[in-house]
C-alpha atoms as a PDB file:
ATOM      1  CA  MET A   1      -9.925  17.484  45.339  1.00  0.00           C
ATOM      2  CA  GLY A   2      -8.781  16.452  48.770  1.00  0.00           C
ATOM      3  CA  ALA A   3      -6.333  18.717  50.524  1.00  0.00           C
ATOM      4  CA  ASP A   4      -5.573  21.195  47.757  1.00  0.00           C
ATOM      5  CA  MET A   5      -3.454  23.742  49.584  1.00  0.00           C
ATOM      6  CA  SER A   6      -2.842  26.495  47.072  1.00  0.00           C
ATOM      7  CA  GLY A   7      -1.753  29.224  49.458  1.00  0.00           C
ATOM      8  CA  THR A   8       1.842  30.304  49.873  1.00  0.00           C
ATOM      9  CA  SER A   9       3.842  31.252  52.909  1.00  0.00           C
ATOM     10  CA  ASP A  10       7.217  32.814  53.570  1.00  0.00           C
ATOM     11  CA  ARG A  11       7.675  30.610  56.590  1.00  0.00           C
ATOM     12  CA  ASP A  12      10.638  28.287  56.219  1.00  0.00           C
ATOM     13  CA  ALA A  13      10.535  24.699  57.424  1.00  0.00           C
ATOM     14  CA  HIS A  14      13.257  23.633  59.810  1.00  0.00           C
ATOM     15  CA  PRO A  15      13.383  19.841  60.133  1.00  0.00           C
ATOM     16  CA  PRO A  16      13.967  18.637  63.667  1.00  0.00           C
ATOM     17  CA  GLY A  17      17.427  17.447  64.456  1.00  0.00           C
ATOM     18  CA  GLY A  18      18.215  13.796  64.924  1.00  0.00           C
ATOM     19  CA  GLY A  19      21.132  11.519  65.573  1.00  0.00           C
ATOM     20  CA  GLY A  20      22.126  11.655  61.903  1.00  0.00           C
ATOM     21  CA  ASP A  21      21.120  13.118  58.567  1.00  0.00           C
ATOM     22  CA  PRO A  22      18.034  11.301  57.243  1.00  0.00           C
ATOM     23  CA  HIS A  23      18.774  12.660  53.765  1.00  0.00           C
ATOM     24  CA  ASP A  24      22.010  10.727  53.413  1.00  0.00           C
ATOM     25  CA  MET A  25      20.118   7.549  52.569  1.00  0.00           C
ATOM     26  CA  PRO A  26      21.742   5.421  49.863  1.00  0.00           C
ATOM     27  CA  ASP A  27      20.335   5.917  46.380  1.00  0.00           C
ATOM     28  CA  ARG A  28      18.738   2.583  45.503  1.00  0.00           C
ATOM     29  CA  THR A  29      16.749   3.909  42.584  1.00  0.00           C
ATOM     30  CA  SER A  30      16.988   2.272  39.185  1.00  0.00           C
ATOM     31  CA  SER A  31      17.276   4.452  36.117  1.00  0.00           C
ATOM     32  CA  ALA A  32      14.017   5.531  34.533  1.00  0.00           C
ATOM     33  CA  THR A  33      14.474   2.968  31.767  1.00  0.00           C
ATOM     34  CA  ASP A  34      14.398   0.049  34.201  1.00  0.00           C
ATOM     35  CA  SER A  35      11.144  -1.746  34.992  1.00  0.00           C
ATOM     36  CA  ALA A  36       9.762  -2.652  38.383  1.00  0.00           C
ATOM     37  CA  ARG A  37      11.328  -5.989  39.241  1.00  0.00           C
ATOM     38  CA  ASN A  38       8.149  -7.806  40.218  1.00  0.00           C
ATOM     39  CA  PRO A  39       7.125  -9.403  36.890  1.00  0.00           C
ATOM     40  CA  GLY A  40       3.450  -8.682  37.513  1.00  0.00           C
ATOM     41  CA  PHE A  41       4.078  -4.976  37.801  1.00  0.00           C
ATOM     42  CA  LEU A  42       6.310  -4.393  34.775  1.00  0.00           C
ATOM     43  CA  GLY A  43       3.903  -1.822  33.340  1.00  0.00           C
ATOM     44  CA  VAL A  44       4.041   0.358  36.455  1.00  0.00           C
ATOM     45  CA  GLY A  45       7.430   1.818  35.556  1.00  0.00           C
ATOM     46  CA  ARG A  46       6.186   2.954  32.170  1.00  0.00           C
ATOM     47  CA  LEU A  47       3.108   4.476  33.783  1.00  0.00           C
ATOM     48  CA  CYS A  48       5.313   6.466  36.168  1.00  0.00           C
ATOM     49  CA  GLU A  49       7.382   7.786  33.279  1.00  0.00           C
ATOM     50  CA  THR A  50       4.174   8.730  31.438  1.00  0.00           C
ATOM     51  CA  ALA A  51       2.920  10.533  34.540  1.00  0.00           C
ATOM     52  CA  VAL A  52       6.080  12.658  34.630  1.00  0.00           C
ATOM     53  CA  ARG A  53       5.724  13.551  30.973  1.00  0.00           C
ATOM     54  CA  LEU A  54       1.996  14.350  30.982  1.00  0.00           C
ATOM     55  CA  SER A  55       1.802  16.058  34.372  1.00  0.00           C
ATOM     56  CA  GLY A  56       4.886  18.231  34.014  1.00  0.00           C
ATOM     57  CA  VAL A  57       6.388  17.053  37.297  1.00  0.00           C
ATOM     58  CA  ASP A  58       9.973  16.094  38.086  1.00  0.00           C
ATOM     59  CA  GLY A  59       9.411  12.574  39.373  1.00  0.00           C
ATOM     60  CA  ALA A  60       6.851   9.883  40.064  1.00  0.00           C
ATOM     61  CA  ALA A  61       6.495   6.718  42.107  1.00  0.00           C
ATOM     62  CA  VAL A  62       3.910   4.053  42.833  1.00  0.00           C
ATOM     63  CA  ALA A  63       3.600   2.592  46.329  1.00  0.00           C
ATOM     64  CA  LEU A  64       1.380  -0.317  47.291  1.00  0.00           C
ATOM     65  CA  MET A  65      -0.337  -0.590  50.628  1.00  0.00           C
ATOM     66  CA  THR A  66      -3.412  -2.115  52.204  1.00  0.00           C
ATOM     67  CA  ARG A  67      -5.397  -1.788  55.388  1.00  0.00           C
ATOM     68  CA  THR A  68      -5.744  -5.537  55.795  1.00  0.00           C
ATOM     69  CA  SER A  69      -2.075  -6.551  55.677  1.00  0.00           C
ATOM     70  CA  ARG A  70       1.289  -5.060  56.547  1.00  0.00           C
ATOM     71  CA  VAL A  71       2.239  -4.427  52.923  1.00  0.00           C
ATOM     72  CA  ARG A  72       3.702  -0.980  52.262  1.00  0.00           C
ATOM     73  CA  ASP A  73       6.039  -1.379  49.300  1.00  0.00           C
ATOM     74  CA  LEU A  74       7.458   1.003  46.764  1.00  0.00           C
ATOM     75  CA  VAL A  75       6.987  -0.660  43.372  1.00  0.00           C
ATOM     76  CA  PHE A  76       8.772   1.890  41.206  1.00  0.00           C
ATOM     77  CA  ALA A  77      10.336   5.354  41.421  1.00  0.00           C
ATOM     78  CA  THR A  78      11.654   7.361  38.488  1.00  0.00           C
ATOM     79  CA  ASP A  79      14.439   9.017  40.481  1.00  0.00           C
ATOM     80  CA  ALA A  80      16.148   9.215  43.856  1.00  0.00           C
ATOM     81  CA  ILE A  81      14.024  12.075  45.207  1.00  0.00           C
ATOM     82  CA  SER A  82      10.794  10.204  44.451  1.00  0.00           C
ATOM     83  CA  GLN A  83      12.166   7.248  46.358  1.00  0.00           C
ATOM     84  CA  GLN A  84      13.252   9.402  49.294  1.00  0.00           C
ATOM     85  CA  ILE A  85       9.824  11.049  49.500  1.00  0.00           C
ATOM     86  CA  ASP A  86       8.206   7.633  49.780  1.00  0.00           C
ATOM     87  CA  GLU A  87      10.833   6.423  52.248  1.00  0.00           C
ATOM     88  CA  LEU A  88      10.265   9.481  54.438  1.00  0.00           C
ATOM     89  CA  GLN A  89       6.532   8.837  54.644  1.00  0.00           C
ATOM     90  CA  PHE A  90       7.062   5.164  55.432  1.00  0.00           C
ATOM     91  CA  THR A  91       9.576   6.037  58.153  1.00  0.00           C
ATOM     92  CA  LEU A  92       7.686   8.983  59.649  1.00  0.00           C
ATOM     93  CA  GLY A  93       4.159   7.604  59.281  1.00  0.00           C
ATOM     94  CA  GLU A  94       2.826  10.890  57.912  1.00  0.00           C
ATOM     95  CA  GLY A  95       2.487  12.626  54.562  1.00  0.00           C
ATOM     96  CA  PRO A  96       0.080  13.390  51.704  1.00  0.00           C
ATOM     97  CA  CYS A  97       0.498   9.971  50.074  1.00  0.00           C
ATOM     98  CA  LEU A  98      -0.595   8.154  53.221  1.00  0.00           C
ATOM     99  CA  ASP A  99      -3.567  10.503  53.564  1.00  0.00           C
ATOM    100  CA  ALA A 100      -4.535  10.054  49.907  1.00  0.00           C
ATOM    101  CA  PHE A 101      -4.644   6.299  50.456  1.00  0.00           C
ATOM    102  CA  HIS A 102      -6.725   6.472  53.630  1.00  0.00           C
ATOM    103  CA  ASP A 103      -9.063   9.222  52.354  1.00  0.00           C
ATOM    104  CA  ARG A 104      -9.343   7.751  48.833  1.00  0.00           C
ATOM    105  CA  THR A 105      -9.017  11.227  47.396  1.00  0.00           C
ATOM    106  CA  PRO A 106      -6.125  13.161  45.820  1.00  0.00           C
ATOM    107  CA  HIS A 107      -4.033  15.331  48.096  1.00  0.00           C
ATOM    108  CA  LEU A 108      -2.423  18.192  46.205  1.00  0.00           C
ATOM    109  CA  VAL A 109       0.268  20.237  47.909  1.00  0.00           C
ATOM    110  CA  PRO A 110       1.523  23.034  45.612  1.00  0.00           C
ATOM    111  CA  ASP A 111       3.942  24.347  48.239  1.00  0.00           C
ATOM    112  CA  LEU A 112       5.315  22.312  51.117  1.00  0.00           C
ATOM    113  CA  ARG A 113       6.290  25.574  52.859  1.00  0.00           C
ATOM    114  CA  ASP A 114       2.638  26.585  53.073  1.00  0.00           C
ATOM    115  CA  ARG A 115       1.333  26.841  56.613  1.00  0.00           C
ATOM    116  CA  SER A 116      -1.373  24.225  55.933  1.00  0.00           C
ATOM    117  CA  ALA A 117       1.216  21.635  54.887  1.00  0.00           C
ATOM    118  CA  LEU A 118       3.506  22.442  57.804  1.00  0.00           C
ATOM    119  CA  GLU A 119       0.646  22.091  60.274  1.00  0.00           C
ATOM    120  CA  ARG A 120      -0.717  18.870  58.782  1.00  0.00           C
ATOM    121  CA  TRP A 121       2.624  17.111  58.196  1.00  0.00           C
ATOM    122  CA  PRO A 122       5.064  19.004  60.433  1.00  0.00           C
ATOM    123  CA  VAL A 123       8.000  16.620  60.129  1.00  0.00           C
ATOM    124  CA  PHE A 124       7.472  15.311  56.599  1.00  0.00           C
ATOM    125  CA  SER A 125       7.134  18.771  55.033  1.00  0.00           C
ATOM    126  CA  GLY A 126      10.505  19.980  56.249  1.00  0.00           C
ATOM    127  CA  GLU A 127      12.254  16.710  55.436  1.00  0.00           C
ATOM    128  CA  ALA A 128      10.782  16.555  51.919  1.00  0.00           C
ATOM    129  CA  ILE A 129      11.924  20.109  51.226  1.00  0.00           C
ATOM    130  CA  ALA A 130      15.397  19.171  52.420  1.00  0.00           C
ATOM    131  CA  VAL A 131      15.675  16.299  49.902  1.00  0.00           C
ATOM    132  CA  GLY A 132      14.646  18.558  47.020  1.00  0.00           C
ATOM    133  CA  ALA A 133      10.843  18.509  46.791  1.00  0.00           C
ATOM    134  CA  ARG A 134       8.756  21.656  46.931  1.00  0.00           C
ATOM    135  CA  ALA A 135       5.377  20.367  45.724  1.00  0.00           C
ATOM    136  CA  VAL A 136       3.835  16.914  46.161  1.00  0.00           C
ATOM    137  CA  PHE A 137       0.726  15.464  44.538  1.00  0.00           C
ATOM    138  CA  ALA A 138      -0.743  12.135  45.650  1.00  0.00           C
ATOM    139  CA  PHE A 139      -3.426  10.190  43.781  1.00  0.00           C
ATOM    140  CA  PRO A 140      -5.008   7.060  45.298  1.00  0.00           C
ATOM    141  CA  ILE A 141      -4.876   3.833  43.306  1.00  0.00           C
ATOM    142  CA  VAL A 142      -8.246   2.132  43.680  1.00  0.00           C
ATOM    143  CA  GLU A 143      -9.600  -0.807  41.702  1.00  0.00           C
ATOM    144  CA  SER A 144     -13.102  -2.266  42.139  1.00  0.00           C
ATOM    145  CA  ASP A 145     -13.494  -0.247  45.338  1.00  0.00           C
ATOM    146  CA  HIS A 146     -10.289  -1.768  46.758  1.00  0.00           C
ATOM    147  CA  PRO A 147      -7.611   0.791  47.711  1.00  0.00           C
ATOM    148  CA  LEU A 148      -4.270  -0.632  46.559  1.00  0.00           C
ATOM    149  CA  GLY A 149      -1.777   2.193  46.804  1.00  0.00           C
ATOM    150  CA  VAL A 150      -0.840   5.678  45.666  1.00  0.00           C
ATOM    151  CA  LEU A 151       0.638   7.404  42.636  1.00  0.00           C
ATOM    152  CA  GLU A 152       3.117   9.893  44.089  1.00  0.00           C
ATOM    153  CA  LEU A 153       4.269  12.922  42.078  1.00  0.00           C
ATOM    154  CA  TYR A 154       6.650  15.693  43.065  1.00  0.00           C
ATOM    155  CA  ARG A 155       8.121  18.865  41.667  1.00  0.00           C
ATOM    156  CA  GLY A 156      11.259  20.678  42.785  1.00  0.00           C
ATOM    157  CA  THR A 157       9.553  24.052  42.439  1.00  0.00           C
ATOM    158  CA  GLU A 158       6.319  25.323  43.947  1.00  0.00           C
ATOM    159  CA  GLY A 159       3.135  25.446  41.909  1.00  0.00           C
ATOM    160  CA  GLY A 160      -0.085  23.533  41.411  1.00  0.00           C
ATOM    161  CA  LEU A 161      -1.110  21.014  38.778  1.00  0.00           C
ATOM    162  CA  GLU A 162      -3.196  22.244  35.877  1.00  0.00           C
ATOM    163  CA  VAL A 163      -6.572  20.556  35.392  1.00  0.00           C
ATOM    164  CA  ALA A 164      -5.286  18.609  32.368  1.00  0.00           C
ATOM    165  CA  ALA A 165      -2.332  17.357  34.416  1.00  0.00           C
ATOM    166  CA  GLN A 166      -4.627  16.278  37.250  1.00  0.00           C
ATOM    167  CA  THR A 167      -6.845  14.432  34.775  1.00  0.00           C
ATOM    168  CA  ALA A 168      -3.805  12.666  33.331  1.00  0.00           C
ATOM    169  CA  ALA A 169      -2.645  11.642  36.803  1.00  0.00           C
ATOM    170  CA  VAL A 170      -6.068  10.244  37.713  1.00  0.00           C
ATOM    171  CA  THR A 171      -6.145   8.270  34.452  1.00  0.00           C
ATOM    172  CA  ILE A 172      -2.663   6.864  35.105  1.00  0.00           C
ATOM    173  CA  ALA A 173      -3.596   5.927  38.679  1.00  0.00           C
ATOM    174  CA  THR A 174      -6.618   4.071  37.288  1.00  0.00           C
ATOM    175  CA  SER A 175      -4.410   2.197  34.806  1.00  0.00           C
ATOM    176  CA  ALA A 176      -1.969   1.355  37.602  1.00  0.00           C
ATOM    177  CA  GLY A 177      -4.881  -0.032  39.627  1.00  0.00           C
ATOM    178  CA  ARG A 178      -5.799  -2.452  36.841  1.00  0.00           C
ATOM    179  CA  THR A 179      -2.179  -3.555  36.459  1.00  0.00           C
ATOM    180  CA  VAL A 180      -1.688  -4.108  40.180  1.00  0.00           C
ATOM    181  CA  ARG A 181      -5.046  -5.775  40.787  1.00  0.00           C
ATOM    182  CA  ARG A 182      -4.360  -8.490  38.192  1.00  0.00           C
ATOM    183  CA  ASN A 183      -1.339  -9.647  40.190  1.00  0.00           C
ATOM    184  CA  TRP A 184      -2.270  -8.574  43.711  1.00  0.00           C
ATOM    185  CA  ASP A 185      -2.951 -11.999  45.198  1.00  0.00           C
ATOM    186  CA  ASP A 186       0.292 -13.468  43.837  1.00  0.00           C
ATOM    187  CA  TYR A 187       2.186 -10.487  45.183  1.00  0.00           C
ATOM    188  CA  LEU A 188       0.727 -10.811  48.681  1.00  0.00           C
ATOM    189  CA  THR A 189       1.557 -14.513  48.678  1.00  0.00           C
ATOM    190  CA  ALA A 190       5.165 -13.778  47.710  1.00  0.00           C
ATOM    191  CA  VAL A 191       5.455 -11.199  50.503  1.00  0.00           C
ATOM    192  CA  ASP A 192       3.868 -13.470  53.117  1.00  0.00           C
ATOM    193  CA  ASP A 193       6.166 -16.321  52.078  1.00  0.00           C
ATOM    194  CA  ALA A 194       9.231 -14.032  52.217  1.00  0.00           C
ATOM    195  CA  ASP A 195      10.016 -14.868  48.596  1.00  0.00           C
ATOM    196  CA  PRO A 196      13.784 -14.219  48.081  1.00  0.00           C
ATOM    197  CA  ASP A 197      13.092 -12.443  44.788  1.00  0.00           C
ATOM    198  CA  VAL A 198      10.774 -10.008  46.539  1.00  0.00           C
ATOM    199  CA  ALA A 199      13.196  -9.489  49.427  1.00  0.00           C
ATOM    200  CA  ALA A 200      16.004  -8.764  46.951  1.00  0.00           C
ATOM    201  CA  ASP A 201      13.956  -6.133  45.126  1.00  0.00           C
ATOM    202  CA  GLU A 202      15.540  -2.749  45.811  1.00  0.00           C
ATOM    203  CA  PHE A 203      12.098  -1.224  46.421  1.00  0.00           C
ATOM    204  CA  SER A 204      10.589  -4.015  48.531  1.00  0.00           C
ATOM    205  CA  ARG A 205      10.162  -3.614  52.280  1.00  0.00           C
ATOM    206  CA  SER A 206       9.597  -7.287  53.069  1.00  0.00           C
ATOM    207  CA  GLN A 207      12.842  -7.242  55.060  1.00  0.00           C
ATOM    208  CA  VAL A 208      11.436  -4.449  57.194  1.00  0.00           C
ATOM    209  CA  TYR A 209       8.486  -6.579  58.252  1.00  0.00           C
ATOM    210  CA  LEU A 210      10.734  -9.557  58.894  1.00  0.00           C
ATOM    211  CA  ALA A 211      12.979  -7.346  61.038  1.00  0.00           C
ATOM    212  CA  SER A 212      10.013  -5.928  62.951  1.00  0.00           C
ATOM    213  CA  GLY A 213       8.962  -9.482  63.776  1.00  0.00           C
ATOM    214  CA  MET A 214      12.435 -10.201  65.125  1.00  0.00           C
ATOM    215  CA  VAL A 215      12.386  -7.015  67.203  1.00  0.00           C
ATOM    216  CA  ALA A 216       8.930  -7.926  68.518  1.00  0.00           C
ATOM    217  CA  VAL A 217      10.321 -11.223  69.797  1.00  0.00           C
ATOM    218  CA  GLN A 218      13.484  -9.619  71.201  1.00  0.00           C
ATOM    219  CA  LEU A 219      11.581  -6.960  73.121  1.00  0.00           C
ATOM    220  CA  ALA A 220       8.426  -9.013  73.825  1.00  0.00           C
ATOM    221  CA  ILE A 221       6.133  -6.468  72.202  1.00  0.00           C
ATOM    222  CA  ALA A 222       3.508  -6.391  69.439  1.00  0.00           C
ATOM    223  CA  ALA A 223       4.653  -6.310  65.802  1.00  0.00           C
ATOM    224  CA  ASP A 224       3.116  -2.858  65.213  1.00  0.00           C
ATOM    225  CA  GLU A 225       5.020  -1.438  68.173  1.00  0.00           C
ATOM    226  CA  ALA A 226       8.199  -3.061  66.898  1.00  0.00           C
ATOM    227  CA  LEU A 227       7.707  -1.414  63.507  1.00  0.00           C
ATOM    228  CA  ASP A 228       7.303   1.955  65.225  1.00  0.00           C
ATOM    229  CA  ILE A 229      10.591   1.362  67.066  1.00  0.00           C
ATOM    230  CA  LEU A 230      12.318   0.518  63.785  1.00  0.00           C
ATOM    231  CA  ARG A 231      11.002   3.732  62.276  1.00  0.00           C
ATOM    232  CA  ALA A 232      12.123   5.812  65.240  1.00  0.00           C
ATOM    233  CA  TYR A 233      15.572   4.188  65.312  1.00  0.00           C
ATOM    234  CA  SER A 234      16.095   4.713  61.599  1.00  0.00           C
ATOM    235  CA  TYR A 235      15.037   8.373  61.715  1.00  0.00           C
ATOM    236  CA  GLN A 236      17.051   9.049  64.875  1.00  0.00           C
ATOM    237  CA  HIS A 237      20.193   7.638  63.263  1.00  0.00           C
ATOM    238  CA  GLY A 238      19.655   9.161  59.819  1.00  0.00           C
ATOM    239  CA  ARG A 239      19.512   5.754  58.127  1.00  0.00           C
ATOM    240  CA  SER A 240      17.197   4.126  55.627  1.00  0.00           C
ATOM    241  CA  ILE A 241      14.735   1.891  57.453  1.00  0.00           C
ATOM    242  CA  LYS A 242      15.509  -0.827  54.904  1.00  0.00           C
ATOM    243  CA  ASP A 243      19.214  -0.691  55.756  1.00  0.00           C
ATOM    244  CA  VAL A 244      18.432  -0.924  59.474  1.00  0.00           C
ATOM    245  CA  ALA A 245      16.170  -3.897  58.754  1.00  0.00           C
ATOM    246  CA  ASP A 246      18.892  -5.589  56.705  1.00  0.00           C
ATOM    247  CA  ASP A 247      21.274  -5.256  59.662  1.00  0.00           C
ATOM    248  CA  ILE A 248      18.734  -6.714  62.065  1.00  0.00           C
ATOM    249  CA  VAL A 249      17.908  -9.672  59.800  1.00  0.00           C
ATOM    250  CA  ALA A 250      21.639 -10.325  59.299  1.00  0.00           C
ATOM    251  CA  ARG A 251      22.063 -10.054  63.100  1.00  0.00           C
ATOM    252  CA  ARG A 252      24.535  -7.187  62.794  1.00  0.00           C
ATOM    253  CA  LEU A 253      22.189  -5.109  64.960  1.00  0.00           C
ATOM    254  CA  THR A 254      20.071  -6.201  67.915  1.00  0.00           C
ATOM    255  CA  LEU A 255      17.849  -3.504  69.362  1.00  0.00           C
ATOM    256  CA  ARG A 256      17.499  -5.594  72.496  1.00  0.00           C
ATOM    257  CA  ASP A 257      21.147  -4.857  73.222  1.00  0.00           C
ATOM    258  CA  THR A 258      21.005  -1.098  72.729  1.00  0.00           C
ATOM    259  CA  ASP A 259      19.944   1.561  75.209  1.00  0.00           C
ATOM    260  CA  GLU A 260      19.004   3.876  72.340  1.00  0.00           C
ATOM    261  CA  VAL A 261      15.469   2.556  71.999  1.00  0.00           C
ATOM    262  CA  GLU A 262      13.470   5.378  73.503  1.00  0.00           C
ATOM    263  CA  GLY A 263      11.318   4.457  76.439  1.00  0.00           C
ATOM    264  CA  ARG A 264      12.680   0.949  76.921  1.00  0.00           C
END
């Protein structure tokens, strides 16, 4: 099943230093009893809670993404650590959840301190440990051969998932795929139109893409390069990428006017 790294290692991860502490991100997570705010995805929150209960993990989240658009949104997270794990992968551009999506196969990491994890995701592994995760399990969400996102599970202690727990997670990811697929087109339209309700969603990253477009214009670069600069700036300053984006959209921050953009 994908990258099932069951070995253990005594090697400790030491996250690289930055301009700030990336773990001091504000806790935007709703309580586990809240539902995902997008009306089409109301069932996703319940599926995440079921995944925690049946898989014996400490937290769960569902993130949507696609190869054909810039969507990379967190739909629901049961707790702050689940949200931070997803935020780290979005900011760093590496991690088991991203690989599970691209490979269309589960990536099971029983111990983030294992040498295999540290070599494959050198920055993410250390940062995830620092926010309180020790094991991460990612299951792709695919419907009708269309990859839509990932079911992300974590545990604060090392250890693999039993076969029954893996089966439950796969079943829940399949159910999430049906729920998301029914409302996928409407969701993409809302994101493309910068729907205020979507932008106001605590999990949505529509503001990030709007900010990257502004940075692209300010620096006369491609949108993808601008998004990379946003990621680097946010990590370097120990801030949530969404908070940085909010500042750029509100014109409280202009990267064109700072000399802290590496290489520019």
